[in-house]
Protein backbone atom coordinates (compact mmCIF):
# COMPACT_ATOMS: atom_id res chain seq x y z
CA MET A 1 28.04 246.27 79.92
CA ARG A 2 29.20 242.69 80.63
CA ARG A 3 27.88 240.59 83.44
CA LYS A 4 30.28 238.80 85.73
CA ILE A 5 29.67 235.12 86.21
CA VAL A 6 30.21 234.05 89.80
CA ILE A 7 30.92 230.31 90.47
CA PRO A 8 30.57 229.22 94.01
CA ALA A 9 33.72 227.82 95.63
CA ALA A 10 31.91 224.73 96.87
CA LEU A 11 31.01 223.76 93.33
CA VAL A 12 34.62 224.05 92.15
CA LEU A 13 35.81 221.86 95.00
CA ALA A 14 33.28 219.18 94.18
CA ILE A 15 34.35 219.08 90.54
CA LEU A 16 37.99 218.64 91.53
CA VAL A 17 37.17 215.81 93.86
CA ILE A 18 35.16 213.95 91.22
CA GLY A 19 37.91 214.42 88.66
CA SER A 20 40.54 213.07 90.98
CA ALA A 21 38.43 210.02 91.76
CA LEU A 22 37.89 209.32 88.09
CA ALA A 23 41.61 209.62 87.42
CA ILE A 24 42.46 207.21 90.24
CA THR A 25 39.84 204.70 89.02
CA ASP A 26 41.22 204.89 85.50
CA ARG A 27 44.75 204.26 86.68
CA VAL A 28 43.66 201.21 88.75
CA SER A 29 41.72 199.76 85.82
CA SER A 30 44.63 200.35 83.51
CA GLY A 31 47.01 198.66 85.98
CA ARG A 32 44.83 195.55 86.16
CA ALA A 33 44.71 195.25 82.45
CA VAL A 34 48.47 195.21 81.95
CA SER A 35 49.39 192.87 84.90
CA THR A 36 50.48 189.21 83.96
CA PRO A 37 49.04 186.11 85.69
CA PRO A 38 51.36 184.26 88.12
CA ALA A 39 53.43 181.39 86.71
CA PRO A 40 52.17 177.88 87.53
CA PRO A 41 54.09 176.12 90.35
CA LEU A 42 56.85 173.71 89.37
CA VAL A 43 56.41 170.14 90.57
CA PRO A 44 59.68 168.51 91.68
CA VAL A 45 60.13 165.05 90.15
CA VAL A 46 62.83 162.43 89.60
CA ALA A 47 63.38 161.60 85.93
CA GLY A 48 64.73 158.62 84.04
CA THR A 49 65.74 158.07 80.45
CA VAL A 50 64.39 155.51 78.00
CA SER A 51 67.33 153.16 77.36
CA SER A 52 68.02 150.98 74.34
CA HIS A 53 70.00 147.77 74.87
CA ASP A 54 69.79 143.97 74.65
CA VAL A 55 67.05 142.72 76.96
CA PRO A 56 66.59 139.05 77.98
CA ILE A 57 63.03 137.73 77.65
CA TYR A 58 62.05 135.50 80.57
CA LEU A 59 59.13 133.21 81.28
CA ARG A 60 58.56 132.90 85.01
CA GLY A 61 57.12 130.03 86.96
CA VAL A 62 57.07 128.52 90.42
CA GLY A 63 59.04 125.33 90.93
CA THR A 64 59.89 122.69 93.50
CA VAL A 65 63.41 121.43 94.02
CA ILE A 66 63.75 117.64 93.84
CA ALA A 67 66.76 115.44 94.41
CA TYR A 68 68.62 114.27 91.32
CA ASN A 69 68.64 110.76 92.83
CA THR A 70 67.27 109.39 96.08
CA VAL A 71 68.46 105.99 97.29
CA LEU A 72 67.26 104.00 100.31
CA VAL A 73 70.28 102.04 101.50
CA ARG A 74 69.27 98.54 102.62
CA SER A 75 71.29 95.58 103.76
CA GLN A 76 71.57 92.58 101.42
CA ILE A 77 72.23 90.23 104.34
CA GLN A 78 71.06 89.75 107.88
CA GLY A 79 73.36 90.57 110.74
CA GLN A 80 74.22 92.74 113.67
CA ILE A 81 75.45 96.26 112.96
CA THR A 82 78.81 96.83 114.63
CA ARG A 83 79.60 100.28 113.30
CA ILE A 84 77.83 103.39 112.00
CA ALA A 85 80.29 105.41 109.92
CA PHE A 86 78.20 108.51 109.13
CA THR A 87 76.39 111.32 110.89
CA GLU A 88 72.95 112.60 109.99
CA GLY A 89 73.09 115.21 107.25
CA GLN A 90 76.67 114.35 106.29
CA SER A 91 77.86 114.75 102.70
CA VAL A 92 79.12 111.46 101.30
CA HIS A 93 80.68 110.25 98.07
CA ALA A 94 79.94 107.09 96.14
CA GLY A 95 81.73 104.20 97.87
CA ASP A 96 82.02 105.86 101.29
CA LEU A 97 81.40 103.49 104.18
CA LEU A 98 78.06 104.06 105.92
CA ALA A 99 77.86 101.10 108.30
CA GLN A 100 79.37 97.70 108.95
CA ILE A 101 77.64 94.41 109.76
CA ASP A 102 79.45 91.82 111.88
CA PRO A 103 81.60 90.05 109.26
CA ARG A 104 82.64 87.02 111.35
CA PRO A 105 79.85 84.61 110.29
CA TYR A 106 80.45 85.39 106.63
CA GLN A 107 84.22 85.20 107.02
CA ALA A 108 83.75 81.74 108.53
CA GLN A 109 81.71 80.64 105.52
CA LEU A 110 84.44 81.89 103.20
CA ASP A 111 87.10 80.04 105.18
CA GLN A 112 85.05 76.84 105.03
CA VAL A 113 84.55 76.82 101.27
CA THR A 114 88.17 77.81 100.78
CA ALA A 115 89.28 74.81 102.81
CA THR A 116 86.98 72.53 100.84
CA ARG A 117 88.53 73.72 97.62
CA ALA A 118 92.02 73.05 98.97
CA ARG A 119 90.98 69.49 99.88
CA ASP A 120 89.47 68.87 96.46
CA GLN A 121 92.53 70.33 94.80
CA ALA A 122 94.77 67.91 96.71
CA GLN A 123 92.58 64.98 95.71
CA LEU A 124 92.66 66.14 92.09
CA THR A 125 96.43 66.29 92.13
CA ASN A 126 96.63 62.72 93.44
CA ALA A 127 94.03 61.50 90.93
CA GLN A 128 95.92 63.08 88.04
CA ALA A 129 99.15 61.42 89.22
CA ASN A 130 97.41 58.03 89.40
CA LEU A 131 95.95 58.57 85.96
CA GLY A 132 99.41 59.18 84.58
CA ARG A 133 100.74 55.94 86.09
CA TYR A 134 97.73 53.87 84.98
CA THR A 135 98.06 55.22 81.46
CA GLN A 136 101.69 54.13 81.25
CA LEU A 137 100.81 50.67 82.61
CA GLY A 138 97.90 50.41 80.17
CA ASP A 139 100.20 51.22 77.24
CA LYS A 140 102.41 48.28 78.30
CA GLY A 141 99.40 46.00 78.81
CA TRP A 142 99.83 45.82 82.58
CA ALA A 143 96.60 47.75 83.38
CA THR A 144 93.12 47.14 82.07
CA PRO A 145 91.34 49.82 80.04
CA GLN A 146 88.56 49.82 82.64
CA LEU A 147 90.99 50.92 85.34
CA VAL A 148 92.30 53.74 83.16
CA ASP A 149 88.75 54.93 82.32
CA THR A 150 87.75 54.86 86.00
CA GLN A 151 90.73 57.01 86.90
CA LYS A 152 89.87 59.49 84.12
CA ALA A 153 86.34 59.79 85.47
CA GLN A 154 87.64 60.46 88.97
CA VAL A 155 89.89 63.26 87.67
CA ALA A 156 86.97 64.86 85.82
CA GLN A 157 84.78 64.57 88.92
CA LEU A 158 87.35 66.35 91.06
CA GLN A 159 87.83 69.05 88.46
CA SER A 160 84.08 69.75 88.52
CA ALA A 161 84.15 69.80 92.32
CA ILE A 162 86.85 72.48 92.24
CA LYS A 163 84.74 74.59 89.86
CA ALA A 164 81.87 74.32 92.32
CA ASP A 165 84.23 75.29 95.12
CA ASP A 166 85.32 78.36 93.16
CA ALA A 167 81.70 79.40 92.75
CA LEU A 168 81.05 78.96 96.47
CA ILE A 169 84.13 81.01 97.28
CA GLU A 170 82.93 83.80 94.99
CA ALA A 171 79.47 83.75 96.61
CA ALA A 172 81.03 83.82 100.06
CA ASN A 173 83.16 86.80 99.07
CA VAL A 174 80.05 88.60 97.85
CA GLN A 175 78.27 87.94 101.14
CA LEU A 176 81.31 89.12 103.05
CA GLY A 177 81.38 92.29 100.93
CA TYR A 178 77.79 93.00 101.90
CA THR A 179 78.93 93.48 105.49
CA ASN A 180 80.25 96.90 104.44
CA LEU A 181 77.31 99.16 103.55
CA THR A 182 78.54 101.96 101.26
CA SER A 183 76.90 104.93 99.58
CA PRO A 184 75.92 104.20 95.98
CA ILE A 185 75.90 107.90 94.99
CA ASP A 186 77.36 111.27 95.91
CA GLY A 187 74.85 112.92 98.18
CA VAL A 188 73.67 113.86 101.65
CA THR A 189 72.57 111.35 104.27
CA GLY A 190 69.19 111.63 105.90
CA VAL A 191 67.94 110.54 109.29
CA ARG A 192 69.64 107.35 110.52
CA GLN A 193 67.19 104.47 110.92
CA VAL A 194 69.28 101.83 112.71
CA ASP A 195 71.64 102.09 115.68
CA VAL A 196 74.78 100.15 116.47
CA GLY A 197 73.91 96.78 117.98
CA ASN A 198 70.62 96.38 116.15
CA ILE A 199 69.93 93.43 113.90
CA ILE A 200 69.36 94.50 110.31
CA HIS A 201 67.45 92.38 107.80
CA PRO A 202 67.15 92.62 104.00
CA THR A 203 63.36 92.84 104.22
CA ASP A 204 63.44 95.85 106.58
CA PRO A 205 61.30 98.49 104.76
CA ASN A 206 63.03 101.38 106.53
CA GLY A 207 66.50 100.39 105.46
CA LEU A 208 69.55 101.94 107.01
CA VAL A 209 69.55 105.50 105.66
CA VAL A 210 68.31 107.60 102.74
CA VAL A 211 71.05 109.18 100.62
CA THR A 212 69.93 112.12 98.50
CA GLN A 213 71.95 113.41 95.57
CA ILE A 214 71.87 117.20 95.48
CA GLU A 215 74.82 117.92 93.19
CA PRO A 216 73.54 118.22 90.50
CA ILE A 217 69.91 118.80 91.41
CA SER A 218 66.59 119.10 89.56
CA VAL A 219 63.69 121.54 89.66
CA ILE A 220 60.16 120.83 88.44
CA PHE A 221 58.20 123.97 87.49
CA THR A 222 55.09 124.87 85.53
CA LEU A 223 54.23 127.44 82.88
CA PRO A 224 50.96 128.23 81.07
CA GLU A 225 50.28 125.94 78.13
CA THR A 226 50.06 129.03 75.89
CA ASP A 227 53.85 129.41 76.29
CA LEU A 228 54.54 125.90 74.98
CA PRO A 229 54.80 126.77 71.24
CA ARG A 230 57.40 129.47 71.93
CA ILE A 231 59.35 127.14 74.20
CA GLN A 232 59.39 124.37 71.60
CA GLN A 233 60.45 126.84 68.93
CA GLN A 234 63.42 128.02 71.00
CA MET A 235 64.34 124.49 72.13
CA ALA A 236 64.80 123.55 68.48
CA LYS A 237 67.69 126.03 68.40
CA GLY A 238 69.46 124.56 71.43
CA LYS A 239 69.40 124.21 75.20
CA LEU A 240 67.55 126.98 77.07
CA ALA A 241 69.09 128.64 80.11
CA VAL A 242 67.20 128.64 83.41
CA GLU A 243 67.81 130.71 86.55
CA ALA A 244 66.63 129.88 90.06
CA TYR A 245 65.64 132.67 92.45
CA SER A 246 64.34 132.90 95.99
CA GLN A 247 60.60 133.35 96.46
CA ASP A 248 60.96 137.14 96.66
CA ASP A 249 63.20 137.24 93.56
CA THR A 250 65.97 138.99 95.50
CA ILE A 251 68.55 136.18 95.63
CA LYS A 252 69.82 134.29 92.61
CA LEU A 253 70.35 130.71 93.77
CA ASP A 254 71.84 129.04 90.71
CA ALA A 255 71.90 128.90 86.91
CA GLY A 256 71.21 125.77 84.89
CA ARG A 257 69.64 124.33 81.77
CA LEU A 258 66.19 123.14 80.73
CA ALA A 259 66.28 119.35 80.65
CA LEU A 260 62.87 118.38 79.30
CA VAL A 261 59.23 119.30 78.80
CA ASP A 262 56.57 116.94 80.09
CA ASN A 263 54.81 114.85 77.46
CA GLU A 264 51.33 116.00 78.46
CA ILE A 265 49.53 119.15 79.56
CA LEU A 266 47.80 119.27 82.94
CA GLN A 267 44.16 119.68 81.97
CA THR A 268 43.09 120.74 85.46
CA THR A 269 45.36 123.80 85.47
CA GLY A 270 46.06 124.39 81.78
CA SER A 271 49.78 124.32 82.42
CA VAL A 272 52.77 122.29 81.31
CA ARG A 273 55.48 120.90 83.57
CA LEU A 274 59.14 121.37 82.81
CA LYS A 275 62.31 120.01 84.39
CA ALA A 276 65.54 121.93 84.78
CA GLU A 277 68.91 120.78 86.06
CA PHE A 278 71.33 122.88 88.11
CA PRO A 279 74.94 122.12 89.13
CA ASN A 280 74.19 123.29 92.70
CA THR A 281 77.86 123.28 93.68
CA ALA A 282 77.12 125.78 96.47
CA HIS A 283 74.19 123.65 97.74
CA ARG A 284 71.84 126.65 97.75
CA LEU A 285 69.04 124.53 96.31
CA TRP A 286 67.58 121.94 98.68
CA PRO A 287 65.09 119.16 98.01
CA GLY A 288 61.51 120.22 98.72
CA GLU A 289 62.31 123.94 98.50
CA LEU A 290 59.82 126.23 96.72
CA ILE A 291 61.54 128.68 94.37
CA ASN A 292 60.92 131.00 91.44
CA VAL A 293 62.22 129.84 88.07
CA TRP A 294 63.16 132.18 85.20
CA LEU A 295 63.34 130.50 81.81
CA LEU A 296 65.41 132.56 79.36
CA LEU A 297 63.34 132.31 76.20
CA ASP A 298 65.07 134.86 73.98
CA THR A 299 67.03 138.12 73.93
CA ARG A 300 65.53 141.25 72.35
CA HIS A 301 68.19 143.34 70.69
CA ASP A 302 67.90 147.13 71.06
CA GLY A 303 64.96 146.75 73.40
CA LEU A 304 63.56 149.87 75.12
CA THR A 305 63.46 149.88 78.91
CA ILE A 306 62.45 152.33 81.64
CA PRO A 307 62.55 152.01 85.42
CA ALA A 308 59.61 149.96 86.63
CA SER A 309 58.52 152.80 88.94
CA ALA A 310 57.79 154.94 85.87
CA VAL A 311 54.97 152.60 84.81
CA GLN A 312 51.56 153.77 86.01
CA GLN A 313 48.13 152.14 85.90
CA GLY A 314 45.09 154.24 85.06
CA GLN A 315 41.49 153.80 84.04
CA GLN A 316 42.52 153.79 80.39
CA GLY A 317 45.32 151.28 80.94
CA VAL A 318 49.06 151.44 81.44
CA PHE A 319 50.79 154.80 80.92
CA THR A 320 53.78 156.89 81.93
CA TYR A 321 54.50 160.60 82.29
CA VAL A 322 56.82 161.83 79.54
CA ILE A 323 58.73 165.08 80.12
CA ASP A 324 58.72 167.38 77.09
CA PRO A 325 61.71 169.61 76.28
CA ASN A 326 59.75 172.65 77.57
CA GLY A 327 59.47 171.11 81.04
CA THR A 328 55.84 169.98 80.90
CA VAL A 329 54.59 166.42 81.21
CA GLN A 330 52.21 164.51 79.03
CA VAL A 331 50.40 161.26 79.67
CA ARG A 332 51.68 158.63 77.26
CA PRO A 333 49.93 155.23 76.92
CA ILE A 334 52.51 152.43 76.72
CA LYS A 335 52.60 148.68 76.23
CA VAL A 336 54.79 146.73 78.67
CA SER A 337 56.18 143.35 77.63
CA GLN A 338 57.72 142.36 80.96
CA VAL A 339 59.08 143.77 84.22
CA SER A 340 62.33 142.22 85.36
CA GLN A 341 64.92 143.31 87.91
CA GLY A 342 63.41 146.77 88.27
CA GLN A 343 63.24 147.47 84.52
CA ALA A 344 60.14 147.47 82.32
CA LEU A 345 60.53 146.35 78.71
CA ILE A 346 58.43 148.57 76.45
CA ASP A 347 56.76 147.22 73.32
CA ALA A 348 55.15 150.49 72.18
CA GLY A 349 54.61 154.12 73.21
CA LEU A 350 58.15 155.39 73.78
CA THR A 351 61.33 156.14 71.86
CA ALA A 352 64.93 155.97 72.96
CA LYS A 353 66.37 158.84 75.06
CA GLU A 354 62.98 160.29 76.03
CA GLN A 355 62.67 161.33 79.67
CA VAL A 356 59.98 159.85 81.90
CA VAL A 357 58.96 160.60 85.47
CA VAL A 358 60.33 157.95 87.80
CA ASP A 359 59.19 159.44 91.10
CA GLY A 360 56.73 162.16 92.14
CA GLN A 361 53.82 161.15 89.90
CA TYR A 362 51.20 161.59 92.62
CA LYS A 363 51.37 165.42 92.15
CA LEU A 364 51.15 165.39 88.37
CA VAL A 365 48.42 165.89 85.81
CA ALA A 366 48.73 166.28 82.07
CA GLY A 367 50.43 169.58 81.31
CA SER A 368 52.08 170.03 84.71
CA HIS A 369 55.35 171.95 84.76
CA VAL A 370 58.14 170.06 86.47
CA THR A 371 61.61 170.62 87.78
CA ILE A 372 63.94 167.64 87.70
CA LEU A 373 65.73 166.74 90.91
CA HIS A 374 69.22 165.29 90.94
CA GLY A 375 71.57 163.65 93.42
CA LYS A 376 70.68 163.90 97.09
CA ALA A 377 67.50 165.85 96.41
CA ALA A 378 66.29 163.06 94.17
CA ASP A 379 67.00 160.46 96.85
CA GLU A 380 65.14 162.49 99.49
CA ALA A 381 62.17 162.97 97.18
CA ALA A 382 62.01 159.25 96.48
CA ALA A 383 62.08 158.47 100.19
CA GLN A 384 59.36 161.03 100.91
CA ASN A 385 57.20 159.71 98.10
CA ALA A 386 57.56 156.17 99.46
CA GLN A 387 56.17 157.35 102.79
CA GLN A 388 53.24 159.20 101.19
CA THR A 389 52.31 156.48 98.73
CA PRO A 390 49.48 154.38 100.23
CA ILE A 391 50.04 150.68 100.57
CA PRO A 392 47.61 148.80 98.30
């Protein structure tokens, strides 16, 4: 006879509860195992492309504008000024009247020597007529040779007197010409030193006025002596072009040519002085002005450039963020030759058509995933980055 096995209901309920809990735990563990990690956030950046084109190579220095010529206008004679024919700061041309000295005393001298010459000329005419008569009489034996010789001597004496009169007339004309003070050069007048009615003298150290020639004009600037061999090498090929800029390099003032290199190096600064000439037809260069000078040394053909804002400075040196085709960035060490007009010329580290981060670098690390902004979004990001970037 079989025994019946009796299982308490409470035990069955407990087993079901434990089984359900184990099933739920298994499902949760299984769910965690198959879930994927969240994608890394995309960093918005503005990108630029490595360009290849002809790039001018400049040497930059600081220069001082000097006048092409500076002339202190003085009087050659003494007299009273009766007229001032210029205003301070006026542009004048060579030969323009600046002032006039009272010409009457010098006109009187000219009149006097002119009258003397007329008197001597009349006496010479009479002496020559007498000589002609005495010669005829001498040929007939009615006049002594002594009388003829005396008359010849008188004619020669009067001829010499007329030559002296001519010289005095020329000197008097020169003195009279000095009564008109004219500009010897094209230029700009400075501060007037003498007023109408004042007596001017040749020994006056202040003179009448300073005339400064500013068209063309010169600039003296300096460069490190280490640049001298390259400058001399390029000068052997021809004249070098020079550009003048304002002190903040935002305004191009004029373009000219390198005139000369100084014949000695400044030992105190280890630099060499150079002189450039500019046409200055717009008069944007002014004597005494401090400017920046760009000497065009050479042109690199197929040079690689990137926006200057893409160049970063780190503990290991200069670098830039390069955007890979998969949308991640890598830190790329680069060598920069020069930065000019917002473009950096790259010697090494990049190839043409690669993309670099121009703006938004402060959020990046190596391997960051980026999204490239365009148009208005790029402009807004650049403006926001400018506000967040600390001022050094």
